[in-house]
Amino acid sequence: VKETGADASCIFIPAAGVRSAVMEAAEGGVKFIVCITEGVPAQDEAWFYNELKRNHPDVQLLGPNCPGIISPGRTNIGITAGHIAKAPEEGKHNVGIVSRSGTLTYQALYELKLQGIGVTTCVGIGGDPVPGTSFIDCLERFEADDETSAVMMIGEIGGSAEEEAAEFIKANMSKPVSAYIAGQTAPAGKKMGHAGAIVSGGKGTAAAKMEALEDAGVKVGANPTEAGELMVELVKAL
């Protein structure tokens, strides 16, 4: 920070060292920390999440277990391939993307590129139980961003983040949103890929999340391609 004016850190190191790496960056004055690493102990995640909130409230953590963030043509922090994303075009309607899934983030970017739609920023928030950045954090920023005309959101089973996002969209968003929820055929009680992707106690099902989003006026696709097609319709209607 002192030598170069650095304001972002990207963490790729093994899970056991993530807690100290996050705190080293925050204590060194870095304001934006992107953690790609998967398998970080949930106890560590909860500890540094609360430590940042309490002692470094101006630091934004993205991840862990995420692909990072890309603003096509401007910046890319993480592991998203730049060539699958179309840069935003001035004078046209461009889209923001927020996703819990890494691979589906890439598909969403490419689906929109094939349709000729530019992306302002694409944020992969990660699939762990204690993410540093939430859907709502991103939706709030997209709503306030003049360059972003609409938002594509990709969720998955487990937790209540999508339901909370639906409430936020209903109460606070004027921009149209399309969405896809992964895990529609997942069996209850079985962890599906991500640490946070588990349906337990009848909560966190894809059906409940889809219903909440549809109730908030979100256009929900049955698959990622359909979610992209719905976004095309939304953009055309603007």
C-alpha atoms as a PDB file:
ATOM      1  CA  VAL A   1       0.000   0.000   0.000  1.00  0.00           C
ATOM      2  CA  LYS A   2       2.773   2.391   0.992  1.00  0.00           C
ATOM      3  CA  GLU A   3       5.005   1.637  -2.006  1.00  0.00           C
ATOM      4  CA  THR A   4       2.455   1.335  -4.807  1.00  0.00           C
ATOM      5  CA  GLY A   5      -0.861   2.785  -3.607  1.00  0.00           C
ATOM      6  CA  ALA A   6      -2.425  -0.686  -3.902  1.00  0.00           C
ATOM      7  CA  ASP A   7      -6.066  -0.796  -2.836  1.00  0.00           C
ATOM      8  CA  ALA A   8      -7.001  -4.407  -3.664  1.00  0.00           C
ATOM      9  CA  SER A   9      -5.733  -7.847  -2.664  1.00  0.00           C
ATOM     10  CA  CYS A  10      -6.508 -11.165  -4.361  1.00  0.00           C
ATOM     11  CA  ILE A  11      -6.034 -14.283  -2.210  1.00  0.00           C
ATOM     12  CA  PHE A  12      -5.300 -17.645  -3.854  1.00  0.00           C
ATOM     13  CA  ILE A  13      -3.413 -19.343  -1.016  1.00  0.00           C
ATOM     14  CA  PRO A  14      -4.409 -22.652   0.654  1.00  0.00           C
ATOM     15  CA  ALA A  15      -7.393 -22.528   3.032  1.00  0.00           C
ATOM     16  CA  ALA A  16      -5.373 -22.791   6.240  1.00  0.00           C
ATOM     17  CA  GLY A  17      -3.659 -19.442   5.603  1.00  0.00           C
ATOM     18  CA  VAL A  18      -6.671 -17.425   4.466  1.00  0.00           C
ATOM     19  CA  ARG A  19      -7.611 -16.043   7.874  1.00  0.00           C
ATOM     20  CA  SER A  20      -4.174 -14.456   8.376  1.00  0.00           C
ATOM     21  CA  ALA A  21      -3.998 -13.296   4.725  1.00  0.00           C
ATOM     22  CA  VAL A  22      -7.346 -11.484   4.990  1.00  0.00           C
ATOM     23  CA  MET A  23      -6.315  -9.761   8.206  1.00  0.00           C
ATOM     24  CA  GLU A  24      -2.844  -8.890   6.882  1.00  0.00           C
ATOM     25  CA  ALA A  25      -4.437  -7.122   3.895  1.00  0.00           C
ATOM     26  CA  ALA A  26      -7.008  -5.267   6.034  1.00  0.00           C
ATOM     27  CA  GLU A  27      -4.455  -4.204   8.639  1.00  0.00           C
ATOM     28  CA  GLY A  28      -2.117  -3.073   5.843  1.00  0.00           C
ATOM     29  CA  GLY A  29      -4.698  -0.604   4.532  1.00  0.00           C
ATOM     30  CA  VAL A  30      -6.166  -2.578   1.602  1.00  0.00           C
ATOM     31  CA  LYS A  31      -9.835  -1.654   1.133  1.00  0.00           C
ATOM     32  CA  PHE A  32     -10.994  -4.433  -1.212  1.00  0.00           C
ATOM     33  CA  ILE A  33     -10.098  -8.075  -0.581  1.00  0.00           C
ATOM     34  CA  VAL A  34     -11.039 -10.828  -3.053  1.00  0.00           C
ATOM     35  CA  CYS A  35     -10.657 -14.386  -1.745  1.00  0.00           C
ATOM     36  CA  ILE A  36     -10.773 -17.138  -4.388  1.00  0.00           C
ATOM     37  CA  THR A  37      -9.817 -20.012  -2.052  1.00  0.00           C
ATOM     38  CA  GLU A  38     -12.345 -22.805  -1.478  1.00  0.00           C
ATOM     39  CA  GLY A  39     -12.521 -24.924   1.682  1.00  0.00           C
ATOM     40  CA  VAL A  40     -11.874 -22.142   4.205  1.00  0.00           C
ATOM     41  CA  PRO A  41     -13.118 -23.389   7.617  1.00  0.00           C
ATOM     42  CA  ALA A  42     -16.540 -21.882   8.401  1.00  0.00           C
ATOM     43  CA  GLN A  43     -15.265 -20.903  11.857  1.00  0.00           C
ATOM     44  CA  ASP A  44     -12.446 -18.879  10.260  1.00  0.00           C
ATOM     45  CA  GLU A  45     -14.895 -17.235   7.844  1.00  0.00           C
ATOM     46  CA  ALA A  46     -17.224 -16.201  10.650  1.00  0.00           C
ATOM     47  CA  TRP A  47     -14.263 -14.919  12.696  1.00  0.00           C
ATOM     48  CA  PHE A  48     -12.733 -12.660  10.036  1.00  0.00           C
ATOM     49  CA  TYR A  49     -16.153 -11.567   8.744  1.00  0.00           C
ATOM     50  CA  ASN A  50     -16.971 -10.190  12.202  1.00  0.00           C
ATOM     51  CA  GLU A  51     -13.438  -8.891  12.756  1.00  0.00           C
ATOM     52  CA  LEU A  52     -13.685  -6.824   9.557  1.00  0.00           C
ATOM     53  CA  LYS A  53     -17.153  -5.514  10.442  1.00  0.00           C
ATOM     54  CA  ARG A  54     -15.991  -4.495  13.909  1.00  0.00           C
ATOM     55  CA  ASN A  55     -12.481  -3.134  13.322  1.00  0.00           C
ATOM     56  CA  HIS A  56     -12.267  -2.476   9.562  1.00  0.00           C
ATOM     57  CA  PRO A  57     -15.783  -1.378   8.498  1.00  0.00           C
ATOM     58  CA  ASP A  58     -14.422   0.372   5.380  1.00  0.00           C
ATOM     59  CA  VAL A  59     -12.978  -2.899   4.013  1.00  0.00           C
ATOM     60  CA  GLN A  60     -15.059  -4.873   1.481  1.00  0.00           C
ATOM     61  CA  LEU A  61     -14.395  -8.618   1.365  1.00  0.00           C
ATOM     62  CA  LEU A  62     -15.519 -10.650  -1.660  1.00  0.00           C
ATOM     63  CA  GLY A  63     -15.637 -14.436  -1.137  1.00  0.00           C
ATOM     64  CA  PRO A  64     -14.174 -16.790  -0.004  1.00  0.00           C
ATOM     65  CA  ASN A  65     -14.833 -19.528  -2.561  1.00  0.00           C
ATOM     66  CA  CYS A  66     -15.647 -17.203  -5.442  1.00  0.00           C
ATOM     67  CA  PRO A  67     -14.432 -16.456  -8.989  1.00  0.00           C
ATOM     68  CA  GLY A  68     -13.890 -12.777  -8.171  1.00  0.00           C
ATOM     69  CA  ILE A  69     -15.087  -9.654  -9.960  1.00  0.00           C
ATOM     70  CA  ILE A  70     -14.812  -8.377 -13.513  1.00  0.00           C
ATOM     71  CA  SER A  71     -15.726  -5.076 -15.143  1.00  0.00           C
ATOM     72  CA  PRO A  72     -15.108  -6.032 -18.784  1.00  0.00           C
ATOM     73  CA  GLY A  73     -12.554  -3.836 -20.517  1.00  0.00           C
ATOM     74  CA  ARG A  74     -11.615  -2.167 -17.221  1.00  0.00           C
ATOM     75  CA  THR A  75     -10.531  -4.554 -14.517  1.00  0.00           C
ATOM     76  CA  ASN A  76     -10.525  -8.221 -13.588  1.00  0.00           C
ATOM     77  CA  ILE A  77      -9.640  -9.516 -10.122  1.00  0.00           C
ATOM     78  CA  GLY A  78      -9.940 -13.283  -9.841  1.00  0.00           C
ATOM     79  CA  ILE A  79     -10.268 -16.183 -12.270  1.00  0.00           C
ATOM     80  CA  THR A  80     -12.938 -15.107 -14.783  1.00  0.00           C
ATOM     81  CA  ALA A  81     -11.824 -15.315 -18.415  1.00  0.00           C
ATOM     82  CA  GLY A  82     -11.980 -11.802 -19.858  1.00  0.00           C
ATOM     83  CA  HIS A  83     -12.803 -12.847 -23.429  1.00  0.00           C
ATOM     84  CA  ILE A  84     -16.194 -14.351 -22.481  1.00  0.00           C
ATOM     85  CA  ALA A  85     -17.503 -10.951 -21.361  1.00  0.00           C
ATOM     86  CA  LYS A  86     -18.743  -8.072 -23.503  1.00  0.00           C
ATOM     87  CA  ALA A  87     -17.717  -4.610 -22.311  1.00  0.00           C
ATOM     88  CA  PRO A  88     -20.509  -2.086 -21.689  1.00  0.00           C
ATOM     89  CA  GLU A  89     -21.385   0.271 -24.531  1.00  0.00           C
ATOM     90  CA  GLU A  90     -22.153   3.915 -24.025  1.00  0.00           C
ATOM     91  CA  GLY A  91     -25.667   4.862 -25.047  1.00  0.00           C
ATOM     92  CA  LYS A  92     -26.892   1.254 -24.757  1.00  0.00           C
ATOM     93  CA  HIS A  93     -28.543  -0.689 -21.936  1.00  0.00           C
ATOM     94  CA  ASN A  94     -25.904  -2.660 -20.043  1.00  0.00           C
ATOM     95  CA  VAL A  95     -26.386  -5.317 -17.391  1.00  0.00           C
ATOM     96  CA  GLY A  96     -24.895  -6.106 -13.977  1.00  0.00           C
ATOM     97  CA  ILE A  97     -24.479  -9.731 -12.854  1.00  0.00           C
ATOM     98  CA  VAL A  98     -24.290 -11.141  -9.323  1.00  0.00           C
ATOM     99  CA  SER A  99     -23.894 -14.879  -8.738  1.00  0.00           C
ATOM    100  CA  ARG A 100     -23.268 -17.457  -6.020  1.00  0.00           C
ATOM    101  CA  SER A 101     -21.986 -19.957  -8.569  1.00  0.00           C
ATOM    102  CA  GLY A 102     -18.616 -19.565 -10.268  1.00  0.00           C
ATOM    103  CA  THR A 103     -19.215 -21.657 -13.378  1.00  0.00           C
ATOM    104  CA  LEU A 104     -22.699 -20.255 -13.919  1.00  0.00           C
ATOM    105  CA  THR A 105     -21.202 -16.759 -13.652  1.00  0.00           C
ATOM    106  CA  TYR A 106     -19.137 -17.590 -16.733  1.00  0.00           C
ATOM    107  CA  GLN A 107     -22.170 -18.968 -18.529  1.00  0.00           C
ATOM    108  CA  ALA A 108     -24.222 -15.851 -17.725  1.00  0.00           C
ATOM    109  CA  LEU A 109     -21.469 -13.595 -19.082  1.00  0.00           C
ATOM    110  CA  TYR A 110     -21.219 -15.621 -22.278  1.00  0.00           C
ATOM    111  CA  GLU A 111     -25.004 -15.903 -22.754  1.00  0.00           C
ATOM    112  CA  LEU A 112     -25.247 -12.091 -22.639  1.00  0.00           C
ATOM    113  CA  LYS A 113     -22.240 -11.675 -24.960  1.00  0.00           C
ATOM    114  CA  LEU A 114     -23.910 -13.957 -27.532  1.00  0.00           C
ATOM    115  CA  GLN A 115     -26.960 -11.717 -27.343  1.00  0.00           C
ATOM    116  CA  GLY A 116     -24.837  -8.582 -27.802  1.00  0.00           C
ATOM    117  CA  ILE A 117     -25.469  -7.261 -24.307  1.00  0.00           C
ATOM    118  CA  GLY A 118     -22.661  -5.483 -22.457  1.00  0.00           C
ATOM    119  CA  VAL A 119     -21.907  -6.064 -18.773  1.00  0.00           C
ATOM    120  CA  THR A 120     -20.937  -3.235 -16.425  1.00  0.00           C
ATOM    121  CA  THR A 121     -19.688  -5.461 -13.600  1.00  0.00           C
ATOM    122  CA  CYS A 122     -20.031  -9.161 -12.828  1.00  0.00           C
ATOM    123  CA  VAL A 123     -19.605 -10.192  -9.185  1.00  0.00           C
ATOM    124  CA  GLY A 124     -19.173 -13.789  -8.044  1.00  0.00           C
ATOM    125  CA  ILE A 125     -20.052 -13.677  -4.341  1.00  0.00           C
ATOM    126  CA  GLY A 126     -19.195 -17.339  -3.713  1.00  0.00           C
ATOM    127  CA  GLY A 127     -21.029 -20.318  -2.307  1.00  0.00           C
ATOM    128  CA  ASP A 128     -19.835 -20.481   1.297  1.00  0.00           C
ATOM    129  CA  PRO A 129     -22.124 -20.107   4.341  1.00  0.00           C
ATOM    130  CA  VAL A 130     -20.515 -16.783   5.442  1.00  0.00           C
ATOM    131  CA  PRO A 131     -19.805 -14.693   2.326  1.00  0.00           C
ATOM    132  CA  GLY A 132     -18.074 -11.337   2.746  1.00  0.00           C
ATOM    133  CA  THR A 133     -20.323  -9.753   0.106  1.00  0.00           C
ATOM    134  CA  SER A 134     -24.041 -10.502  -0.231  1.00  0.00           C
ATOM    135  CA  PHE A 135     -26.570 -10.323  -3.052  1.00  0.00           C
ATOM    136  CA  ILE A 136     -28.011  -7.217  -1.375  1.00  0.00           C
ATOM    137  CA  ASP A 137     -24.607  -5.473  -1.266  1.00  0.00           C
ATOM    138  CA  CYS A 138     -24.385  -5.879  -5.049  1.00  0.00           C
ATOM    139  CA  LEU A 139     -28.036  -5.152  -5.847  1.00  0.00           C
ATOM    140  CA  GLU A 140     -27.775  -1.908  -3.876  1.00  0.00           C
ATOM    141  CA  ARG A 141     -24.755  -0.810  -5.899  1.00  0.00           C
ATOM    142  CA  PHE A 142     -26.293  -1.818  -9.233  1.00  0.00           C
ATOM    143  CA  GLU A 143     -29.449   0.128  -8.379  1.00  0.00           C
ATOM    144  CA  ALA A 144     -27.309   3.221  -7.707  1.00  0.00           C
ATOM    145  CA  ASP A 145     -25.100   2.767 -10.796  1.00  0.00           C
ATOM    146  CA  ASP A 146     -26.083   4.957 -13.757  1.00  0.00           C
ATOM    147  CA  GLU A 147     -24.382   2.644 -16.268  1.00  0.00           C
ATOM    148  CA  THR A 148     -26.352  -0.436 -15.181  1.00  0.00           C
ATOM    149  CA  SER A 149     -29.864  -0.705 -16.652  1.00  0.00           C
ATOM    150  CA  ALA A 150     -30.835  -4.204 -15.439  1.00  0.00           C
ATOM    151  CA  VAL A 151     -29.490  -6.996 -13.236  1.00  0.00           C
ATOM    152  CA  MET A 152     -29.054 -10.739 -13.697  1.00  0.00           C
ATOM    153  CA  MET A 153     -28.897 -12.753 -10.488  1.00  0.00           C
ATOM    154  CA  ILE A 154     -27.835 -16.390 -10.117  1.00  0.00           C
ATOM    155  CA  GLY A 155     -28.589 -18.152  -6.847  1.00  0.00           C
ATOM    156  CA  GLU A 156     -28.572 -21.703  -5.622  1.00  0.00           C
ATOM    157  CA  ILE A 157     -30.123 -23.927  -2.965  1.00  0.00           C
ATOM    158  CA  GLY A 158     -29.240 -23.512   0.711  1.00  0.00           C
ATOM    159  CA  GLY A 159     -29.482 -20.601   3.135  1.00  0.00           C
ATOM    160  CA  SER A 160     -31.853 -17.660   2.816  1.00  0.00           C
ATOM    161  CA  ALA A 161     -29.775 -15.154   0.787  1.00  0.00           C
ATOM    162  CA  GLU A 162     -32.056 -15.319  -2.257  1.00  0.00           C
ATOM    163  CA  GLU A 163     -35.208 -14.768  -0.187  1.00  0.00           C
ATOM    164  CA  GLU A 164     -33.553 -11.770   1.491  1.00  0.00           C
ATOM    165  CA  ALA A 165     -32.525 -10.473  -1.936  1.00  0.00           C
ATOM    166  CA  ALA A 166     -36.126 -10.865  -3.132  1.00  0.00           C
ATOM    167  CA  GLU A 167     -37.353  -8.705  -0.239  1.00  0.00           C
ATOM    168  CA  PHE A 168     -34.748  -6.067  -1.076  1.00  0.00           C
ATOM    169  CA  ILE A 169     -35.691  -6.094  -4.773  1.00  0.00           C
ATOM    170  CA  LYS A 170     -39.376  -5.729  -3.956  1.00  0.00           C
ATOM    171  CA  ALA A 171     -38.807  -2.806  -1.594  1.00  0.00           C
ATOM    172  CA  ASN A 172     -35.874  -0.960  -3.164  1.00  0.00           C
ATOM    173  CA  MET A 173     -35.188  -1.734  -6.817  1.00  0.00           C
ATOM    174  CA  SER A 174     -36.552   0.123  -9.817  1.00  0.00           C
ATOM    175  CA  LYS A 175     -34.367  -1.756 -12.337  1.00  0.00           C
ATOM    176  CA  PRO A 176     -35.598  -5.047 -13.848  1.00  0.00           C
ATOM    177  CA  VAL A 177     -34.048  -8.306 -12.644  1.00  0.00           C
ATOM    178  CA  SER A 178     -33.835 -11.773 -14.199  1.00  0.00           C
ATOM    179  CA  ALA A 179     -32.685 -14.799 -12.192  1.00  0.00           C
ATOM    180  CA  TYR A 180     -31.839 -18.472 -12.178  1.00  0.00           C
ATOM    181  CA  ILE A 181     -31.696 -20.752  -9.127  1.00  0.00           C
ATOM    182  CA  ALA A 182     -29.378 -23.760  -9.382  1.00  0.00           C
ATOM    183  CA  GLY A 183     -30.202 -27.052  -7.668  1.00  0.00           C
ATOM    184  CA  GLN A 184     -33.837 -27.471  -8.650  1.00  0.00           C
ATOM    185  CA  THR A 185     -33.567 -31.275  -8.549  1.00  0.00           C
ATOM    186  CA  ALA A 186     -31.204 -31.521  -5.553  1.00  0.00           C
ATOM    187  CA  PRO A 187     -32.165 -34.054  -2.839  1.00  0.00           C
ATOM    188  CA  ALA A 188     -32.727 -32.712   0.694  1.00  0.00           C
ATOM    189  CA  GLY A 189     -29.890 -33.131   3.192  1.00  0.00           C
ATOM    190  CA  LYS A 190     -27.153 -33.637   0.604  1.00  0.00           C
ATOM    191  CA  LYS A 191     -24.497 -30.967   0.105  1.00  0.00           C
ATOM    192  CA  MET A 192     -24.332 -30.045  -3.577  1.00  0.00           C
ATOM    193  CA  GLY A 193     -20.891 -28.731  -4.535  1.00  0.00           C
ATOM    194  CA  HIS A 194     -20.689 -25.586  -2.442  1.00  0.00           C
ATOM    195  CA  ALA A 195     -20.445 -25.665   1.340  1.00  0.00           C
ATOM    196  CA  GLY A 196     -23.563 -23.488   1.577  1.00  0.00           C
ATOM    197  CA  ALA A 197     -25.598 -25.427  -0.997  1.00  0.00           C
ATOM    198  CA  ILE A 198     -27.635 -27.732   1.207  1.00  0.00           C
ATOM    199  CA  VAL A 199     -31.379 -28.028   1.770  1.00  0.00           C
ATOM    200  CA  SER A 200     -31.960 -28.731   5.449  1.00  0.00           C
ATOM    201  CA  GLY A 201     -35.070 -28.758   7.614  1.00  0.00           C
ATOM    202  CA  GLY A 202     -37.221 -28.015   4.573  1.00  0.00           C
ATOM    203  CA  LYS A 203     -35.513 -24.641   4.133  1.00  0.00           C
ATOM    204  CA  GLY A 204     -33.339 -23.363   1.308  1.00  0.00           C
ATOM    205  CA  THR A 205     -35.162 -25.155  -1.513  1.00  0.00           C
ATOM    206  CA  ALA A 206     -34.961 -23.930  -5.099  1.00  0.00           C
ATOM    207  CA  ALA A 207     -38.776 -23.789  -5.309  1.00  0.00           C
ATOM    208  CA  ALA A 208     -39.054 -21.465  -2.285  1.00  0.00           C
ATOM    209  CA  LYS A 209     -36.367 -19.163  -3.655  1.00  0.00           C
ATOM    210  CA  MET A 210     -37.941 -19.038  -7.117  1.00  0.00           C
ATOM    211  CA  GLU A 211     -41.339 -18.264  -5.612  1.00  0.00           C
ATOM    212  CA  ALA A 212     -39.924 -15.443  -3.471  1.00  0.00           C
ATOM    213  CA  LEU A 213     -38.159 -13.893  -6.466  1.00  0.00           C
ATOM    214  CA  GLU A 214     -41.189 -14.176  -8.738  1.00  0.00           C
ATOM    215  CA  ASP A 215     -43.296 -12.558  -6.020  1.00  0.00           C
ATOM    216  CA  ALA A 216     -40.828  -9.640  -6.073  1.00  0.00           C
ATOM    217  CA  GLY A 217     -41.359  -9.182  -9.819  1.00  0.00           C
ATOM    218  CA  VAL A 218     -38.188 -10.963 -10.914  1.00  0.00           C
ATOM    219  CA  LYS A 219     -38.272 -12.943 -14.185  1.00  0.00           C
ATOM    220  CA  VAL A 220     -37.015 -16.405 -13.192  1.00  0.00           C
ATOM    221  CA  GLY A 221     -35.611 -18.773 -15.823  1.00  0.00           C
ATOM    222  CA  ALA A 222     -35.798 -22.574 -15.695  1.00  0.00           C
ATOM    223  CA  ASN A 223     -32.138 -22.731 -16.756  1.00  0.00           C
ATOM    224  CA  PRO A 224     -29.264 -20.245 -17.274  1.00  0.00           C
ATOM    225  CA  THR A 225     -29.956 -19.873 -21.008  1.00  0.00           C
ATOM    226  CA  GLU A 226     -33.602 -18.989 -20.338  1.00  0.00           C
ATOM    227  CA  ALA A 227     -32.521 -16.472 -17.695  1.00  0.00           C
ATOM    228  CA  GLY A 228     -30.327 -14.878 -20.380  1.00  0.00           C
ATOM    229  CA  GLU A 229     -33.208 -14.823 -22.852  1.00  0.00           C
ATOM    230  CA  LEU A 230     -35.440 -13.202 -20.230  1.00  0.00           C
ATOM    231  CA  MET A 231     -32.768 -10.547 -19.730  1.00  0.00           C
ATOM    232  CA  VAL A 232     -32.776  -9.856 -23.482  1.00  0.00           C
ATOM    233  CA  GLU A 233     -36.550  -9.296 -23.307  1.00  0.00           C
ATOM    234  CA  LEU A 234     -36.142  -6.999 -20.279  1.00  0.00           C
ATOM    235  CA  VAL A 235     -33.430  -4.946 -22.010  1.00  0.00           C
ATOM    236  CA  LYS A 236     -35.501  -4.643 -25.201  1.00  0.00           C
ATOM    237  CA  ALA A 237     -38.429  -3.345 -23.172  1.00  0.00           C
ATOM    238  CA  LEU A 238     -36.392  -0.545 -21.557  1.00  0.00           C
END
